[in-house]
Amino acid sequence: MSVSYSVSIDVPLLEDGLRFYRDALGFAEIAGPVATYVILKCGESQIGLSEKSAGSKPAQGTDDVRRYARHWTPVHIDFHVDDFEAFLAKAVNAGAKCEQKFEGGPHPPIAFCSDPFGNGFCIVG
């Protein structure tokens, strides 16, 4: 059985998501199957950006709504990069927040971050 995957990220406005992930971080836009969704190439992986308005329900039968302030989710993306400091600087300069950073010791450097829309991600050197 062959399996592949991509990760989709909800953003309140697609153009804002593209400014961060495509323009600032350098991911390549490879498809736009519908007006509110684009696919970006990130190394050997793909990321989907999906425009979903704040306050909309993420699923039927839930009372929860989308919020774009910093929020927690048990799933996040780890970006493994060759130049840790340069990628972290690009992300922060584009509106990401570096919430915690660890360097030194036996493990690669890692930064716990959030994008401008409150979605958490990590940068791993």
PDB file of N, CA and C in Angstrom:
ATOM      1  N   MET A   1       0.839  -1.169   0.000  1.00  0.00           N
ATOM      2  CA  MET A   1       0.000   0.000   0.000  1.00  0.00           C
ATOM      3  C   MET A   1       0.887   1.236   0.000  1.00  0.00           C
ATOM      4  N   SER A   2       0.589   2.163  -0.854  1.00  0.00           N
ATOM      5  CA  SER A   2       1.327   3.415  -0.930  1.00  0.00           C
ATOM      6  C   SER A   2       0.513   4.523  -0.276  1.00  0.00           C
ATOM      7  N   VAL A   3       1.171   5.315   0.553  1.00  0.00           N
ATOM      8  CA  VAL A   3       0.496   6.410   1.240  1.00  0.00           C
ATOM      9  C   VAL A   3       1.337   7.673   1.090  1.00  0.00           C
ATOM     10  N   SER A   4       0.685   8.778   0.827  1.00  0.00           N
ATOM     11  CA  SER A   4       1.352  10.071   0.875  1.00  0.00           C
ATOM     12  C   SER A   4       0.489  10.996   1.710  1.00  0.00           C
ATOM     13  N   TYR A   5       1.012  12.138   2.060  1.00  0.00           N
ATOM     14  CA  TYR A   5       0.232  13.067   2.874  1.00  0.00           C
ATOM     15  C   TYR A   5       0.670  14.488   2.580  1.00  0.00           C
ATOM     16  N   SER A   6      -0.203  15.392   2.938  1.00  0.00           N
ATOM     17  CA  SER A   6       0.132  16.806   2.984  1.00  0.00           C
ATOM     18  C   SER A   6      -0.548  17.355   4.221  1.00  0.00           C
ATOM     19  N   VAL A   7      -0.144  18.516   4.639  1.00  0.00           N
ATOM     20  CA  VAL A   7      -0.719  19.159   5.808  1.00  0.00           C
ATOM     21  C   VAL A   7      -1.404  20.431   5.334  1.00  0.00           C
ATOM     22  N   SER A   8      -2.623  20.658   5.776  1.00  0.00           N
ATOM     23  CA  SER A   8      -3.340  21.885   5.428  1.00  0.00           C
ATOM     24  C   SER A   8      -3.435  22.792   6.643  1.00  0.00           C
ATOM     25  N   ILE A   9      -3.260  24.068   6.383  1.00  0.00           N
ATOM     26  CA  ILE A   9      -3.266  25.078   7.433  1.00  0.00           C
ATOM     27  C   ILE A   9      -4.382  26.065   7.129  1.00  0.00           C
ATOM     28  N   ASP A  10      -5.274  26.269   8.094  1.00  0.00           N
ATOM     29  CA  ASP A  10      -6.326  27.272   7.941  1.00  0.00           C
ATOM     30  C   ASP A  10      -5.749  28.654   8.205  1.00  0.00           C
ATOM     31  N   VAL A  11      -6.110  29.598   7.349  1.00  0.00           N
ATOM     32  CA  VAL A  11      -5.723  30.997   7.509  1.00  0.00           C
ATOM     33  C   VAL A  11      -6.970  31.845   7.272  1.00  0.00           C
ATOM     34  N   PRO A  12      -7.070  33.015   7.915  1.00  0.00           N
ATOM     35  CA  PRO A  12      -8.286  33.819   7.745  1.00  0.00           C
ATOM     36  C   PRO A  12      -8.427  34.430   6.353  1.00  0.00           C
ATOM     37  N   LEU A  13      -7.313  34.789   5.727  1.00  0.00           N
ATOM     38  CA  LEU A  13      -7.310  35.317   4.359  1.00  0.00           C
ATOM     39  C   LEU A  13      -6.185  34.641   3.597  1.00  0.00           C
ATOM     40  N   LEU A  14      -6.507  34.073   2.457  1.00  0.00           N
ATOM     41  CA  LEU A  14      -5.516  33.327   1.681  1.00  0.00           C
ATOM     42  C   LEU A  14      -4.318  34.194   1.308  1.00  0.00           C
ATOM     43  N   GLU A  15      -4.546  35.430   0.914  1.00  0.00           N
ATOM     44  CA  GLU A  15      -3.425  36.306   0.531  1.00  0.00           C
ATOM     45  C   GLU A  15      -2.461  36.533   1.700  1.00  0.00           C
ATOM     46  N   ASP A  16      -2.981  36.640   2.919  1.00  0.00           N
ATOM     47  CA  ASP A  16      -2.108  36.796   4.090  1.00  0.00           C
ATOM     48  C   ASP A  16      -1.290  35.526   4.314  1.00  0.00           C
ATOM     49  N   GLY A  17      -1.916  34.368   4.154  1.00  0.00           N
ATOM     50  CA  GLY A  17      -1.198  33.107   4.284  1.00  0.00           C
ATOM     51  C   GLY A  17      -0.109  32.970   3.236  1.00  0.00           C
ATOM     52  N   LEU A  18      -0.416  33.381   2.007  1.00  0.00           N
ATOM     53  CA  LEU A  18       0.579  33.331   0.944  1.00  0.00           C
ATOM     54  C   LEU A  18       1.730  34.291   1.208  1.00  0.00           C
ATOM     55  N   ARG A  19       1.446  35.461   1.747  1.00  0.00           N
ATOM     56  CA  ARG A  19       2.514  36.409   2.076  1.00  0.00           C
ATOM     57  C   ARG A  19       3.493  35.800   3.073  1.00  0.00           C
ATOM     58  N   PHE A  20       2.982  35.044   4.036  1.00  0.00           N
ATOM     59  CA  PHE A  20       3.859  34.444   5.047  1.00  0.00           C
ATOM     60  C   PHE A  20       4.574  33.206   4.496  1.00  0.00           C
ATOM     61  N   TYR A  21       3.825  32.208   4.067  1.00  0.00           N
ATOM     62  CA  TYR A  21       4.428  30.925   3.695  1.00  0.00           C
ATOM     63  C   TYR A  21       5.125  30.956   2.334  1.00  0.00           C
ATOM     64  N   ARG A  22       4.547  31.619   1.353  1.00  0.00           N
ATOM     65  CA  ARG A  22       5.153  31.655   0.023  1.00  0.00           C
ATOM     66  C   ARG A  22       6.193  32.765  -0.073  1.00  0.00           C
ATOM     67  N   ASP A  23       5.766  33.992   0.170  1.00  0.00           N
ATOM     68  CA  ASP A  23       6.641  35.135  -0.070  1.00  0.00           C
ATOM     69  C   ASP A  23       7.766  35.238   0.955  1.00  0.00           C
ATOM     70  N   ALA A  24       7.448  35.124   2.231  1.00  0.00           N
ATOM     71  CA  ALA A  24       8.474  35.307   3.261  1.00  0.00           C
ATOM     72  C   ALA A  24       9.323  34.053   3.473  1.00  0.00           C
ATOM     73  N   LEU A  25       8.684  32.877   3.530  1.00  0.00           N
ATOM     74  CA  LEU A  25       9.452  31.661   3.813  1.00  0.00           C
ATOM     75  C   LEU A  25       9.947  30.964   2.555  1.00  0.00           C
ATOM     76  N   GLY A  26       9.463  31.379   1.395  1.00  0.00           N
ATOM     77  CA  GLY A  26      10.003  30.868   0.147  1.00  0.00           C
ATOM     78  C   GLY A  26       9.420  29.571  -0.360  1.00  0.00           C
ATOM     79  N   PHE A  27       8.254  29.150   0.131  1.00  0.00           N
ATOM     80  CA  PHE A  27       7.644  27.929  -0.372  1.00  0.00           C
ATOM     81  C   PHE A  27       7.064  28.209  -1.755  1.00  0.00           C
ATOM     82  N   ALA A  28       7.127  27.244  -2.631  1.00  0.00           N
ATOM     83  CA  ALA A  28       6.688  27.419  -4.016  1.00  0.00           C
ATOM     84  C   ALA A  28       5.215  27.066  -4.163  1.00  0.00           C
ATOM     85  N   GLU A  29       4.455  27.964  -4.761  1.00  0.00           N
ATOM     86  CA  GLU A  29       3.045  27.687  -5.054  1.00  0.00           C
ATOM     87  C   GLU A  29       2.993  26.769  -6.261  1.00  0.00           C
ATOM     88  N   ILE A  30       2.351  25.590  -6.113  1.00  0.00           N
ATOM     89  CA  ILE A  30       2.317  24.635  -7.225  1.00  0.00           C
ATOM     90  C   ILE A  30       0.919  24.398  -7.766  1.00  0.00           C
ATOM     91  N   ALA A  31      -0.127  24.751  -7.037  1.00  0.00           N
ATOM     92  CA  ALA A  31      -1.487  24.554  -7.540  1.00  0.00           C
ATOM     93  C   ALA A  31      -2.467  25.404  -6.744  1.00  0.00           C
ATOM     94  N   GLY A  32      -3.546  25.755  -7.389  1.00  0.00           N
ATOM     95  CA  GLY A  32      -4.651  26.469  -6.759  1.00  0.00           C
ATOM     96  C   GLY A  32      -5.949  25.875  -7.258  1.00  0.00           C
ATOM     97  N   PRO A  33      -6.315  24.693  -6.760  1.00  0.00           N
ATOM     98  CA  PRO A  33      -7.474  23.990  -7.314  1.00  0.00           C
ATOM     99  C   PRO A  33      -8.804  24.739  -7.165  1.00  0.00           C
ATOM    100  N   VAL A  34      -8.930  25.556  -6.129  1.00  0.00           N
ATOM    101  CA  VAL A  34     -10.120  26.388  -5.942  1.00  0.00           C
ATOM    102  C   VAL A  34      -9.657  27.745  -5.424  1.00  0.00           C
ATOM    103  N   ALA A  35     -10.528  28.725  -5.481  1.00  0.00           N
ATOM    104  CA  ALA A  35     -10.147  30.098  -5.140  1.00  0.00           C
ATOM    105  C   ALA A  35      -9.706  30.262  -3.692  1.00  0.00           C
ATOM    106  N   THR A  36     -10.104  29.367  -2.808  1.00  0.00           N
ATOM    107  CA  THR A  36      -9.791  29.517  -1.380  1.00  0.00           C
ATOM    108  C   THR A  36      -8.770  28.494  -0.878  1.00  0.00           C
ATOM    109  N   TYR A  37      -8.047  27.841  -1.798  1.00  0.00           N
ATOM    110  CA  TYR A  37      -7.085  26.810  -1.397  1.00  0.00           C
ATOM    111  C   TYR A  37      -5.911  26.787  -2.368  1.00  0.00           C
ATOM    112  N   VAL A  38      -4.703  26.795  -1.827  1.00  0.00           N
ATOM    113  CA  VAL A  38      -3.505  26.652  -2.652  1.00  0.00           C
ATOM    114  C   VAL A  38      -2.609  25.575  -2.051  1.00  0.00           C
ATOM    115  N   ILE A  39      -1.803  24.997  -2.901  1.00  0.00           N
ATOM    116  CA  ILE A  39      -0.833  23.986  -2.484  1.00  0.00           C
ATOM    117  C   ILE A  39       0.548  24.575  -2.674  1.00  0.00           C
ATOM    118  N   LEU A  40       1.361  24.474  -1.630  1.00  0.00           N
ATOM    119  CA  LEU A  40       2.726  24.971  -1.651  1.00  0.00           C
ATOM    120  C   LEU A  40       3.679  23.804  -1.488  1.00  0.00           C
ATOM    121  N   LYS A  41       4.803  23.869  -2.165  1.00  0.00           N
ATOM    122  CA  LYS A  41       5.848  22.851  -2.023  1.00  0.00           C
ATOM    123  C   LYS A  41       6.856  23.344  -1.004  1.00  0.00           C
ATOM    124  N   CYS A  42       7.171  22.458  -0.093  1.00  0.00           N
ATOM    125  CA  CYS A  42       8.100  22.763   0.988  1.00  0.00           C
ATOM    126  C   CYS A  42       9.098  21.609   1.034  1.00  0.00           C
ATOM    127  N   GLY A  43      10.259  21.780   0.402  1.00  0.00           N
ATOM    128  CA  GLY A  43      11.207  20.666   0.317  1.00  0.00           C
ATOM    129  C   GLY A  43      10.571  19.544  -0.491  1.00  0.00           C
ATOM    130  N   GLU A  44      10.488  18.369   0.091  1.00  0.00           N
ATOM    131  CA  GLU A  44       9.850  17.227  -0.569  1.00  0.00           C
ATOM    132  C   GLU A  44       8.397  17.062  -0.139  1.00  0.00           C
ATOM    133  N   SER A  45       7.880  17.974   0.650  1.00  0.00           N
ATOM    134  CA  SER A  45       6.521  17.878   1.174  1.00  0.00           C
ATOM    135  C   SER A  45       5.647  18.977   0.598  1.00  0.00           C
ATOM    136  N   GLN A  46       4.365  18.876   0.878  1.00  0.00           N
ATOM    137  CA  GLN A  46       3.421  19.892   0.448  1.00  0.00           C
ATOM    138  C   GLN A  46       2.634  20.406   1.638  1.00  0.00           C
ATOM    139  N   ILE A  47       2.272  21.678   1.537  1.00  0.00           N
ATOM    140  CA  ILE A  47       1.419  22.319   2.536  1.00  0.00           C
ATOM    141  C   ILE A  47       0.246  22.917   1.785  1.00  0.00           C
ATOM    142  N   GLY A  48      -0.951  22.724   2.301  1.00  0.00           N
ATOM    143  CA  GLY A  48      -2.115  23.380   1.734  1.00  0.00           C
ATOM    144  C   GLY A  48      -2.491  24.560   2.603  1.00  0.00           C
ATOM    145  N   LEU A  49      -2.841  25.674   1.993  1.00  0.00           N
ATOM    146  CA  LEU A  49      -3.375  26.823   2.724  1.00  0.00           C
ATOM    147  C   LEU A  49      -4.843  26.936   2.361  1.00  0.00           C
ATOM    148  N   SER A  50      -5.687  26.962   3.378  1.00  0.00           N
ATOM    149  CA  SER A  50      -7.126  26.988   3.173  1.00  0.00           C
ATOM    150  C   SER A  50      -7.712  28.203   3.865  1.00  0.00           C
ATOM    151  N   GLU A  51      -8.368  29.051   3.086  1.00  0.00           N
ATOM    152  CA  GLU A  51      -8.998  30.246   3.661  1.00  0.00           C
ATOM    153  C   GLU A  51     -10.287  29.840   4.369  1.00  0.00           C
ATOM    154  N   LYS A  52     -10.328  30.107   5.665  1.00  0.00           N
ATOM    155  CA  LYS A  52     -11.496  29.818   6.503  1.00  0.00           C
ATOM    156  C   LYS A  52     -11.690  31.006   7.431  1.00  0.00           C
ATOM    157  N   SER A  53     -12.847  31.592   7.431  1.00  0.00           N
ATOM    158  CA  SER A  53     -13.060  32.811   8.212  1.00  0.00           C
ATOM    159  C   SER A  53     -13.080  32.537   9.714  1.00  0.00           C
ATOM    160  N   ALA A  54     -12.587  33.509  10.453  1.00  0.00           N
ATOM    161  CA  ALA A  54     -12.651  33.438  11.918  1.00  0.00           C
ATOM    162  C   ALA A  54     -14.109  33.326  12.324  1.00  0.00           C
ATOM    163  N   GLY A  55     -14.369  32.511  13.325  1.00  0.00           N
ATOM    164  CA  GLY A  55     -15.719  32.328  13.820  1.00  0.00           C
ATOM    165  C   GLY A  55     -16.485  31.208  13.140  1.00  0.00           C
ATOM    166  N   SER A  56     -15.945  30.680  12.017  1.00  0.00           N
ATOM    167  CA  SER A  56     -16.626  29.570  11.337  1.00  0.00           C
ATOM    168  C   SER A  56     -16.388  28.272  12.102  1.00  0.00           C
ATOM    169  N   LYS A  57     -17.305  27.344  11.959  1.00  0.00           N
ATOM    170  CA  LYS A  57     -17.200  26.057  12.660  1.00  0.00           C
ATOM    171  C   LYS A  57     -16.251  25.127  11.899  1.00  0.00           C
ATOM    172  N   PRO A  58     -15.335  24.464  12.613  1.00  0.00           N
ATOM    173  CA  PRO A  58     -14.407  23.545  11.952  1.00  0.00           C
ATOM    174  C   PRO A  58     -15.044  22.214  11.569  1.00  0.00           C
ATOM    175  N   ALA A  59     -16.178  21.865  12.187  1.00  0.00           N
ATOM    176  CA  ALA A  59     -16.842  20.593  11.892  1.00  0.00           C
ATOM    177  C   ALA A  59     -18.294  20.671  12.356  1.00  0.00           C
ATOM    178  N   GLN A  60     -19.136  19.913  11.700  1.00  0.00           N
ATOM    179  CA  GLN A  60     -20.528  19.850  12.134  1.00  0.00           C
ATOM    180  C   GLN A  60     -20.605  19.214  13.518  1.00  0.00           C
ATOM    181  N   GLY A  61     -21.536  19.679  14.313  1.00  0.00           N
ATOM    182  CA  GLY A  61     -21.768  19.077  15.616  1.00  0.00           C
ATOM    183  C   GLY A  61     -20.853  19.585  16.717  1.00  0.00           C
ATOM    184  N   THR A  62     -20.037  20.585  16.438  1.00  0.00           N
ATOM    185  CA  THR A  62     -19.162  21.133  17.472  1.00  0.00           C
ATOM    186  C   THR A  62     -19.588  22.549  17.808  1.00  0.00           C
ATOM    187  N   ASP A  63     -19.330  22.950  19.032  1.00  0.00           N
ATOM    188  CA  ASP A  63     -19.573  24.333  19.425  1.00  0.00           C
ATOM    189  C   ASP A  63     -18.330  25.185  19.245  1.00  0.00           C
ATOM    190  N   ASP A  64     -17.218  24.545  18.921  1.00  0.00           N
ATOM    191  CA  ASP A  64     -15.961  25.268  18.743  1.00  0.00           C
ATOM    192  C   ASP A  64     -16.006  26.071  17.447  1.00  0.00           C
ATOM    193  N   VAL A  65     -15.231  27.136  17.404  1.00  0.00           N
ATOM    194  CA  VAL A  65     -15.119  27.954  16.193  1.00  0.00           C
ATOM    195  C   VAL A  65     -13.651  28.262  15.940  1.00  0.00           C
ATOM    196  N   ARG A  66     -13.351  28.619  14.703  1.00  0.00           N
ATOM    197  CA  ARG A  66     -11.975  28.982  14.364  1.00  0.00           C
ATOM    198  C   ARG A  66     -11.611  30.310  15.008  1.00  0.00           C
ATOM    199  N   ARG A  67     -10.429  30.318  15.603  1.00  0.00           N
ATOM    200  CA  ARG A  67      -9.870  31.540  16.197  1.00  0.00           C
ATOM    201  C   ARG A  67      -8.451  31.674  15.681  1.00  0.00           C
ATOM    202  N   TYR A  68      -8.060  32.883  15.379  1.00  0.00           N
ATOM    203  CA  TYR A  68      -6.724  33.096  14.854  1.00  0.00           C
ATOM    204  C   TYR A  68      -5.814  33.835  15.821  1.00  0.00           C
ATOM    205  N   ALA A  69      -6.201  33.884  17.086  1.00  0.00           N
ATOM    206  CA  ALA A  69      -5.259  34.276  18.133  1.00  0.00           C
ATOM    207  C   ALA A  69      -4.421  33.026  18.415  1.00  0.00           C
ATOM    208  N   ARG A  70      -3.365  33.140  19.165  1.00  0.00           N
ATOM    209  CA  ARG A  70      -2.534  31.966  19.465  1.00  0.00           C
ATOM    210  C   ARG A  70      -3.399  30.904  20.110  1.00  0.00           C
ATOM    211  N   HIS A  71      -3.327  29.699  19.584  1.00  0.00           N
ATOM    212  CA  HIS A  71      -4.118  28.589  20.095  1.00  0.00           C
ATOM    213  C   HIS A  71      -3.255  27.332  20.111  1.00  0.00           C
ATOM    214  N   TRP A  72      -3.708  26.364  20.845  1.00  0.00           N
ATOM    215  CA  TRP A  72      -2.991  25.108  20.970  1.00  0.00           C
ATOM    216  C   TRP A  72      -3.721  24.039  20.177  1.00  0.00           C
ATOM    217  N   THR A  73      -2.959  23.207  19.518  1.00  0.00           N
ATOM    218  CA  THR A  73      -3.484  22.020  18.869  1.00  0.00           C
ATOM    219  C   THR A  73      -2.459  20.908  19.066  1.00  0.00           C
ATOM    220  N   PRO A  74      -2.894  19.673  19.177  1.00  0.00           N
ATOM    221  CA  PRO A  74      -1.924  18.603  19.397  1.00  0.00           C
ATOM    222  C   PRO A  74      -1.126  18.238  18.154  1.00  0.00           C
ATOM    223  N   VAL A  75      -1.437  18.830  17.013  1.00  0.00           N
ATOM    224  CA  VAL A  75      -0.723  18.551  15.775  1.00  0.00           C
ATOM    225  C   VAL A  75      -0.068  19.843  15.299  1.00  0.00           C
ATOM    226  N   HIS A  76       1.205  19.752  14.932  1.00  0.00           N
ATOM    227  CA  HIS A  76       1.890  20.921  14.386  1.00  0.00           C
ATOM    228  C   HIS A  76       2.931  20.444  13.376  1.00  0.00           C
ATOM    229  N   ILE A  77       3.489  21.383  12.636  1.00  0.00           N
ATOM    230  CA  ILE A  77       4.490  21.073  11.623  1.00  0.00           C
ATOM    231  C   ILE A  77       5.879  21.354  12.186  1.00  0.00           C
ATOM    232  N   ASP A  78       6.825  20.479  11.905  1.00  0.00           N
ATOM    233  CA  ASP A  78       8.236  20.711  12.182  1.00  0.00           C
ATOM    234  C   ASP A  78       8.920  20.977  10.845  1.00  0.00           C
ATOM    235  N   PHE A  79       9.557  22.128  10.707  1.00  0.00           N
ATOM    236  CA  PHE A  79      10.334  22.449   9.524  1.00  0.00           C
ATOM    237  C   PHE A  79      11.794  22.130   9.828  1.00  0.00           C
ATOM    238  N   HIS A  80      12.349  21.139   9.148  1.00  0.00           N
ATOM    239  CA  HIS A  80      13.751  20.760   9.314  1.00  0.00           C
ATOM    240  C   HIS A  80      14.543  21.555   8.278  1.00  0.00           C
ATOM    241  N   VAL A  81      15.470  22.390   8.760  1.00  0.00           N
ATOM    242  CA  VAL A  81      16.163  23.334   7.881  1.00  0.00           C
ATOM    243  C   VAL A  81      17.675  23.196   8.023  1.00  0.00           C
ATOM    244  N   ASP A  82      18.385  23.579   6.957  1.00  0.00           N
ATOM    245  CA  ASP A  82      19.842  23.555   6.979  1.00  0.00           C
ATOM    246  C   ASP A  82      20.410  24.758   7.726  1.00  0.00           C
ATOM    247  N   ASP A  83      19.808  25.912   7.536  1.00  0.00           N
ATOM    248  CA  ASP A  83      20.297  27.137   8.168  1.00  0.00           C
ATOM    249  C   ASP A  83      19.269  27.615   9.193  1.00  0.00           C
ATOM    250  N   PHE A  84      19.399  27.099  10.405  1.00  0.00           N
ATOM    251  CA  PHE A  84      18.444  27.348  11.486  1.00  0.00           C
ATOM    252  C   PHE A  84      18.243  28.842  11.742  1.00  0.00           C
ATOM    253  N   GLU A  85      19.324  29.569  11.953  1.00  0.00           N
ATOM    254  CA  GLU A  85      19.215  30.993  12.302  1.00  0.00           C
ATOM    255  C   GLU A  85      18.597  31.814  11.171  1.00  0.00           C
ATOM    256  N   ALA A  86      18.975  31.534   9.933  1.00  0.00           N
ATOM    257  CA  ALA A  86      18.439  32.293   8.797  1.00  0.00           C
ATOM    258  C   ALA A  86      16.943  32.037   8.634  1.00  0.00           C
ATOM    259  N   PHE A  87      16.515  30.777   8.744  1.00  0.00           N
ATOM    260  CA  PHE A  87      15.099  30.465   8.579  1.00  0.00           C
ATOM    261  C   PHE A  87      14.285  31.065   9.728  1.00  0.00           C
ATOM    262  N   LEU A  88      14.798  30.960  10.939  1.00  0.00           N
ATOM    263  CA  LEU A  88      14.105  31.542  12.088  1.00  0.00           C
ATOM    264  C   LEU A  88      13.974  33.052  11.921  1.00  0.00           C
ATOM    265  N   ALA A  89      15.024  33.708  11.478  1.00  0.00           N
ATOM    266  CA  ALA A  89      14.976  35.158  11.276  1.00  0.00           C
ATOM    267  C   ALA A  89      13.956  35.531  10.205  1.00  0.00           C
ATOM    268  N   LYS A  90      13.924  34.777   9.095  1.00  0.00           N
ATOM    269  CA  LYS A  90      12.934  35.044   8.049  1.00  0.00           C
ATOM    270  C   LYS A  90      11.520  34.907   8.593  1.00  0.00           C
ATOM    271  N   ALA A  91      11.277  33.864   9.361  1.00  0.00           N
ATOM    272  CA  ALA A  91       9.940  33.632   9.911  1.00  0.00           C
ATOM    273  C   ALA A  91       9.531  34.763  10.853  1.00  0.00           C
ATOM    274  N   VAL A  92      10.411  35.123  11.764  1.00  0.00           N
ATOM    275  CA  VAL A  92      10.112  36.188  12.734  1.00  0.00           C
ATOM    276  C   VAL A  92       9.920  37.526  12.022  1.00  0.00           C
ATOM    277  N   ASN A  93      10.771  37.838  11.058  1.00  0.00           N
ATOM    278  CA  ASN A  93      10.635  39.087  10.306  1.00  0.00           C
ATOM    279  C   ASN A  93       9.332  39.147   9.515  1.00  0.00           C
ATOM    280  N   ALA A  94       8.764  37.984   9.194  1.00  0.00           N
ATOM    281  CA  ALA A  94       7.513  37.931   8.440  1.00  0.00           C
ATOM    282  C   ALA A  94       6.281  37.894   9.337  1.00  0.00           C
ATOM    283  N   GLY A  95       6.487  37.924  10.662  1.00  0.00           N
ATOM    284  CA  GLY A  95       5.340  37.970  11.567  1.00  0.00           C
ATOM    285  C   GLY A  95       5.173  36.787  12.489  1.00  0.00           C
ATOM    286  N   ALA A  96       6.041  35.784  12.379  1.00  0.00           N
ATOM    287  CA  ALA A  96       5.978  34.655  13.313  1.00  0.00           C
ATOM    288  C   ALA A  96       6.470  35.109  14.684  1.00  0.00           C
ATOM    289  N   LYS A  97       6.102  34.357  15.695  1.00  0.00           N
ATOM    290  CA  LYS A  97       6.614  34.599  17.048  1.00  0.00           C
ATOM    291  C   LYS A  97       7.447  33.399  17.459  1.00  0.00           C
ATOM    292  N   CYS A  98       8.658  33.668  17.935  1.00  0.00           N
ATOM    293  CA  CYS A  98       9.495  32.611  18.505  1.00  0.00           C
ATOM    294  C   CYS A  98       9.171  32.586  19.988  1.00  0.00           C
ATOM    295  N   GLU A  99       8.547  31.516  20.435  1.00  0.00           N
ATOM    296  CA  GLU A  99       8.072  31.428  21.816  1.00  0.00           C
ATOM    297  C   GLU A  99       9.097  30.793  22.751  1.00  0.00           C
ATOM    298  N   GLN A 100       9.946  29.951  22.195  1.00  0.00           N
ATOM    299  CA  GLN A 100      10.978  29.297  22.993  1.00  0.00           C
ATOM    300  C   GLN A 100      12.050  28.785  22.032  1.00  0.00           C
ATOM    301  N   LYS A 101      13.305  28.873  22.460  1.00  0.00           N
ATOM    302  CA  LYS A 101      14.413  28.465  21.589  1.00  0.00           C
ATOM    303  C   LYS A 101      15.436  27.712  22.424  1.00  0.00           C
ATOM    304  N   PHE A 102      15.880  26.579  21.893  1.00  0.00           N
ATOM    305  CA  PHE A 102      16.890  25.774  22.558  1.00  0.00           C
ATOM    306  C   PHE A 102      18.054  25.559  21.610  1.00  0.00           C
ATOM    307  N   GLU A 103      19.274  25.832  22.092  1.00  0.00           N
ATOM    308  CA  GLU A 103      20.473  25.608  21.290  1.00  0.00           C
ATOM    309  C   GLU A 103      21.542  25.000  22.186  1.00  0.00           C
ATOM    310  N   GLY A 104      22.450  24.295  21.568  1.00  0.00           N
ATOM    311  CA  GLY A 104      23.546  23.693  22.316  1.00  0.00           C
ATOM    312  C   GLY A 104      23.171  22.325  22.829  1.00  0.00           C
ATOM    313  N   GLY A 105      24.139  21.638  23.360  1.00  0.00           N
ATOM    314  CA  GLY A 105      23.895  20.296  23.870  1.00  0.00           C
ATOM    315  C   GLY A 105      23.938  19.267  22.757  1.00  0.00           C
ATOM    316  N   PRO A 106      23.492  18.060  23.054  1.00  0.00           N
ATOM    317  CA  PRO A 106      23.623  16.963  22.099  1.00  0.00           C
ATOM    318  C   PRO A 106      22.560  16.955  20.992  1.00  0.00           C
ATOM    319  N   HIS A 107      21.554  17.815  21.083  1.00  0.00           N
ATOM    320  CA  HIS A 107      20.454  17.809  20.118  1.00  0.00           C
ATOM    321  C   HIS A 107      20.549  19.005  19.184  1.00  0.00           C
ATOM    322  N   PRO A 108      19.934  18.892  18.006  1.00  0.00           N
ATOM    323  CA  PRO A 108      19.932  20.033  17.093  1.00  0.00           C
ATOM    324  C   PRO A 108      19.172  21.204  17.712  1.00  0.00           C
ATOM    325  N   PRO A 109      19.444  22.428  17.263  1.00  0.00           N
ATOM    326  CA  PRO A 109      18.687  23.570  17.769  1.00  0.00           C
ATOM    327  C   PRO A 109      17.218  23.447  17.355  1.00  0.00           C
ATOM    328  N   ILE A 110      16.340  23.978  18.191  1.00  0.00           N
ATOM    329  CA  ILE A 110      14.906  23.954  17.902  1.00  0.00           C
ATOM    330  C   ILE A 110      14.273  25.241  18.409  1.00  0.00           C
ATOM    331  N   ALA A 111      13.324  25.757  17.649  1.00  0.00           N
ATOM    332  CA  ALA A 111      12.564  26.935  18.066  1.00  0.00           C
ATOM    333  C   ALA A 111      11.086  26.585  17.993  1.00  0.00           C
ATOM    334  N   PHE A 112      10.368  26.833  19.080  1.00  0.00           N
ATOM    335  CA  PHE A 112       8.921  26.655  19.130  1.00  0.00           C
ATOM    336  C   PHE A 112       8.302  27.996  18.754  1.00  0.00           C
ATOM    337  N   CYS A 113       7.509  28.006  17.693  1.00  0.00           N
ATOM    338  CA  CYS A 113       7.019  29.256  17.112  1.00  0.00           C
ATOM    339  C   CYS A 113       5.518  29.189  16.861  1.00  0.00           C
ATOM    340  N   SER A 114       4.960  30.340  16.495  1.00  0.00           N
ATOM    341  CA  SER A 114       3.602  30.398  15.967  1.00  0.00           C
ATOM    342  C   SER A 114       3.610  31.328  14.767  1.00  0.00           C
ATOM    343  N   ASP A 115       2.775  30.991  13.774  1.00  0.00           N
ATOM    344  CA  ASP A 115       2.674  31.833  12.586  1.00  0.00           C
ATOM    345  C   ASP A 115       1.797  33.050  12.904  1.00  0.00           C
ATOM    346  N   PRO A 116       1.638  33.989  11.986  1.00  0.00           N
ATOM    347  CA  PRO A 116       0.838  35.180  12.273  1.00  0.00           C
ATOM    348  C   PRO A 116      -0.639  34.884  12.545  1.00  0.00           C
ATOM    349  N   PHE A 117      -1.067  33.628  12.330  1.00  0.00           N
ATOM    350  CA  PHE A 117      -2.464  33.252  12.482  1.00  0.00           C
ATOM    351  C   PHE A 117      -2.702  32.417  13.735  1.00  0.00           C
ATOM    352  N   GLY A 118      -1.673  32.275  14.576  1.00  0.00           N
ATOM    353  CA  GLY A 118      -1.805  31.544  15.831  1.00  0.00           C
ATOM    354  C   GLY A 118      -1.497  30.066  15.750  1.00  0.00           C
ATOM    355  N   ASN A 119      -1.158  29.554  14.567  1.00  0.00           N
ATOM    356  CA  ASN A 119      -0.835  28.137  14.399  1.00  0.00           C
ATOM    357  C   ASN A 119       0.591  27.864  14.840  1.00  0.00           C
ATOM    358  N   GLY A 120       0.773  26.861  15.692  1.00  0.00           N
ATOM    359  CA  GLY A 120       2.097  26.518  16.174  1.00  0.00           C
ATOM    360  C   GLY A 120       2.898  25.724  15.156  1.00  0.00           C
ATOM    361  N   PHE A 121       4.223  25.919  15.171  1.00  0.00           N
ATOM    362  CA  PHE A 121       5.142  25.119  14.366  1.00  0.00           C
ATOM    363  C   PHE A 121       6.505  25.161  15.018  1.00  0.00           C
ATOM    364  N   CYS A 122       7.354  24.228  14.644  1.00  0.00           N
ATOM    365  CA  CYS A 122       8.733  24.205  15.153  1.00  0.00           C
ATOM    366  C   CYS A 122       9.710  24.331  13.995  1.00  0.00           C
ATOM    367  N   ILE A 123      10.838  24.937  14.290  1.00  0.00           N
ATOM    368  CA  ILE A 123      11.950  24.983  13.357  1.00  0.00           C
ATOM    369  C   ILE A 123      13.066  24.158  13.987  1.00  0.00           C
ATOM    370  N   VAL A 124      13.540  23.165  13.252  1.00  0.00           N
ATOM    371  CA  VAL A 124      14.562  22.255  13.752  1.00  0.00           C
ATOM    372  C   VAL A 124      15.793  22.394  12.868  1.00  0.00           C
ATOM    373  N   GLY A 125      16.937  22.657  13.484  1.00  0.00           N
ATOM    374  CA  GLY A 125      18.182  22.807  12.731  1.00  0.00           C
ATOM    375  C   GLY A 125      18.794  21.491  12.380  1.00  0.00           C
TER     376      GLY A 125
END
